[in-house]
Amino acid sequence: MSTGQMLMTILAMALLTTVLTNFYVIVGDTGSDIARGQEDILETAIATSWAEMAQGLAFDNVTDTSDIAFKNPTALTAPDDLGVDGSESIDKDSTFNDFDDFNGATLTKTAGSTGKGYTTHFTVSYVDTSNVNAVVNYRTFVKRMDMATWRSIPPPGKNERVDTMHTSIIYSYFNFN
């Protein structure tokens, strides 16, 4: 083998090594992207299940215990009192009876057989009926629940980034009398 052929062989091997290294980096990045997408799907599923649970409850503590159609919002829970009532507690066996009981709660759910736990922090506020983005410090017939959900189990690794998904739902109370 001549010097020229040897040089060409070395250059070809260097080029092949570079191409293979870049290929494996791309494959590794794709695997990370797929795993991150699966994390996002699980976070969305957990937040959706909390939202469905909350929307299945009464609008307010007073609407849970009465069948009177309220026309005046002053009968509703005061903004500073949103959250669990005296007979309720924030834990894994919570027995919330109305939408605003989630206010201030931080709850964790495990996603099926994955063993991964997702924590959600809840904030419930009254909002302006004409602008649901505006939190108000007075009673209205519209409440907004803001949820922040992130993977908490297993804890993130040293160089792992854990994103927090923010979700909001609106719940309102109207009567048709």
Protein backbone atom coordinates (compact mmCIF):
# COMPACT_ATOMS: atom_id res chain seq x y z
CA MET A 1 0.00 0.00 0.00
CA SER A 2 1.46 3.33 -1.00
CA THR A 3 1.65 6.43 1.15
CA GLY A 4 -1.23 8.02 -0.78
CA GLN A 5 -3.48 5.03 -0.25
CA MET A 6 -2.57 4.92 3.45
CA LEU A 7 -3.39 8.62 3.82
CA MET A 8 -6.73 8.11 2.01
CA THR A 9 -7.57 5.18 4.30
CA ILE A 10 -6.80 7.24 7.43
CA LEU A 11 -8.92 10.15 6.15
CA ALA A 12 -11.79 7.77 5.30
CA MET A 13 -11.65 6.26 8.81
CA ALA A 14 -11.62 9.76 10.38
CA LEU A 15 -14.62 10.78 8.25
CA LEU A 16 -16.49 7.56 9.14
CA THR A 17 -15.76 8.09 12.84
CA THR A 18 -17.04 11.68 12.67
CA VAL A 19 -20.23 10.64 10.85
CA LEU A 20 -20.92 7.80 13.30
CA THR A 21 -20.27 10.00 16.33
CA ASN A 22 -22.70 12.65 15.05
CA PHE A 23 -25.26 9.98 14.20
CA TYR A 24 -25.18 8.57 17.74
CA VAL A 25 -25.45 12.06 19.24
CA ILE A 26 -28.57 12.68 17.13
CA VAL A 27 -30.05 9.32 18.15
CA GLY A 28 -29.36 10.10 21.82
CA ASP A 29 -30.98 13.53 21.53
CA THR A 30 -34.02 11.98 19.85
CA GLY A 31 -34.38 9.52 22.73
CA SER A 32 -34.26 12.40 25.22
CA ASP A 33 -36.88 14.31 23.22
CA ILE A 34 -39.18 11.28 23.19
CA ALA A 35 -38.77 10.80 26.95
CA ARG A 36 -39.51 14.51 27.54
CA GLY A 37 -42.63 14.22 25.37
CA GLN A 38 -43.81 11.26 27.44
CA GLU A 39 -43.23 13.31 30.63
CA ASP A 40 -45.35 16.12 29.16
CA ILE A 41 -48.15 13.69 28.31
CA LEU A 42 -48.17 12.32 31.87
CA GLU A 43 -48.17 15.84 33.35
CA THR A 44 -51.11 16.76 31.12
CA ALA A 45 -53.02 13.61 32.10
CA ILE A 46 -52.47 14.27 35.82
CA ALA A 47 -53.58 17.93 35.52
CA THR A 48 -56.64 16.87 33.50
CA SER A 49 -57.65 14.32 36.13
CA TRP A 50 -57.38 16.94 38.89
CA ALA A 51 -59.43 19.39 36.78
CA GLU A 52 -62.14 16.80 36.16
CA MET A 53 -62.28 15.96 39.85
CA ALA A 54 -62.56 19.65 40.81
CA GLN A 55 -65.26 20.34 38.24
CA GLY A 56 -67.31 17.46 39.62
CA LEU A 57 -67.60 19.25 42.97
CA ALA A 58 -69.97 22.01 44.04
CA PHE A 59 -69.04 25.57 43.09
CA ASP A 60 -68.89 26.71 46.72
CA ASN A 61 -69.43 25.33 50.19
CA VAL A 62 -72.77 27.14 50.44
CA THR A 63 -73.97 25.78 47.07
CA ASP A 64 -73.02 22.26 48.20
CA THR A 65 -75.33 22.36 51.20
CA SER A 66 -78.24 24.26 49.69
CA ASP A 67 -80.47 23.88 46.66
CA ILE A 68 -81.43 27.56 46.70
CA ALA A 69 -80.37 29.36 43.54
CA PHE A 70 -78.17 32.21 44.71
CA LYS A 71 -78.53 35.51 42.91
CA ASN A 72 -76.22 37.53 45.14
CA PRO A 73 -72.54 36.51 45.36
CA THR A 74 -72.17 37.86 48.92
CA ALA A 75 -73.49 34.51 50.20
CA LEU A 76 -70.42 32.76 48.75
CA THR A 77 -67.16 32.07 50.58
CA ALA A 78 -65.07 35.19 51.18
CA PRO A 79 -61.92 35.44 49.00
CA ASP A 80 -59.62 35.21 52.04
CA ASP A 81 -61.40 32.02 53.18
CA LEU A 82 -61.01 30.03 49.95
CA GLY A 83 -59.52 26.64 50.76
CA VAL A 84 -60.38 23.70 52.95
CA ASP A 85 -63.16 24.07 55.49
CA GLY A 86 -62.84 23.05 59.13
CA SER A 87 -63.91 19.41 58.55
CA GLU A 88 -61.55 18.86 55.61
CA SER A 89 -57.82 18.24 55.35
CA ILE A 90 -55.20 18.40 52.63
CA ASP A 91 -53.71 14.94 52.26
CA LYS A 92 -53.89 11.94 49.97
CA ASP A 93 -57.32 11.01 51.34
CA SER A 94 -58.82 14.50 51.00
CA THR A 95 -62.56 14.72 50.97
CA PHE A 96 -63.09 18.03 49.26
CA ASN A 97 -66.72 19.00 48.79
CA ASP A 98 -66.37 22.16 46.71
CA PHE A 99 -64.15 23.66 44.01
CA ASP A 100 -62.26 26.17 46.13
CA ASP A 101 -61.15 23.54 48.68
CA PHE A 102 -58.16 22.97 46.39
CA ASN A 103 -56.84 26.47 47.13
CA GLY A 104 -53.35 26.21 48.64
CA ALA A 105 -53.22 22.42 48.32
CA THR A 106 -50.14 20.61 47.01
CA LEU A 107 -51.00 17.03 46.09
CA THR A 108 -49.05 14.18 44.48
CA LYS A 109 -50.36 11.40 42.21
CA THR A 110 -48.46 8.41 40.87
CA ALA A 111 -48.84 7.80 37.14
CA GLY A 112 -49.93 4.18 36.82
CA SER A 113 -47.22 1.54 36.58
CA THR A 114 -44.46 4.05 35.74
CA GLY A 115 -43.70 4.68 39.40
CA LYS A 116 -43.32 8.36 38.59
CA GLY A 117 -45.02 10.82 40.90
CA TYR A 118 -46.35 14.19 39.79
CA THR A 119 -46.99 16.99 42.24
CA THR A 120 -49.58 19.69 41.58
CA HIS A 121 -49.95 22.96 43.47
CA PHE A 122 -53.38 24.62 43.30
CA THR A 123 -54.47 28.24 43.58
CA VAL A 124 -58.18 29.12 43.39
CA SER A 125 -59.31 32.72 42.98
CA TYR A 126 -62.40 34.70 42.13
CA VAL A 127 -62.07 36.36 38.73
CA ASP A 128 -63.75 39.25 36.98
CA THR A 129 -66.77 37.93 35.05
CA SER A 130 -65.85 39.98 31.99
CA ASN A 131 -62.12 39.15 32.12
CA VAL A 132 -61.22 35.74 33.55
CA ASN A 133 -57.53 36.68 33.51
CA ALA A 134 -58.14 39.31 36.20
CA VAL A 135 -58.09 37.96 39.76
CA VAL A 136 -60.34 40.02 42.03
CA ASN A 137 -60.59 40.36 45.81
CA TYR A 138 -64.38 40.20 45.92
CA ARG A 139 -66.95 37.45 45.39
CA THR A 140 -68.17 36.65 41.89
CA PHE A 141 -69.92 33.69 40.32
CA VAL A 142 -66.69 32.75 38.48
CA LYS A 143 -63.61 31.08 39.97
CA ARG A 144 -60.33 30.14 38.31
CA MET A 145 -58.09 27.28 39.39
CA ASP A 146 -54.42 27.64 38.49
CA MET A 147 -52.39 24.42 38.62
CA ALA A 148 -48.63 23.98 38.48
CA THR A 149 -47.65 20.34 37.82
CA TRP A 150 -44.16 18.81 37.80
CA ARG A 151 -42.51 15.41 38.17
CA SER A 152 -41.38 14.97 41.75
CA ILE A 153 -40.71 11.21 41.97
CA PRO A 154 -38.02 10.21 41.23
CA PRO A 155 -36.27 13.45 42.11
CA PRO A 156 -34.45 15.06 39.18
CA GLY A 157 -30.88 13.96 38.56
CA LYS A 158 -27.90 16.29 38.86
CA ASN A 159 -28.06 17.59 35.28
CA GLU A 160 -31.74 16.87 34.61
CA ARG A 161 -34.16 19.67 33.93
CA VAL A 162 -37.72 19.21 35.19
CA ASP A 163 -40.32 21.47 33.60
CA THR A 164 -43.41 22.74 35.37
CA MET A 165 -46.64 22.74 33.39
CA HIS A 166 -49.06 25.57 34.19
CA THR A 167 -52.76 25.01 33.56
CA SER A 168 -55.90 26.99 34.40
CA ILE A 169 -59.58 26.10 34.40
CA ILE A 170 -62.63 28.29 34.90
CA TYR A 171 -65.63 27.22 36.95
CA SER A 172 -68.78 29.29 37.21
CA TYR A 173 -72.11 29.20 38.99
CA PHE A 174 -75.20 30.40 37.23
CA ASN A 175 -78.87 29.68 37.69
CA PHE A 176 -81.56 29.80 35.05
CA ASN A 177 -84.58 30.91 37.10
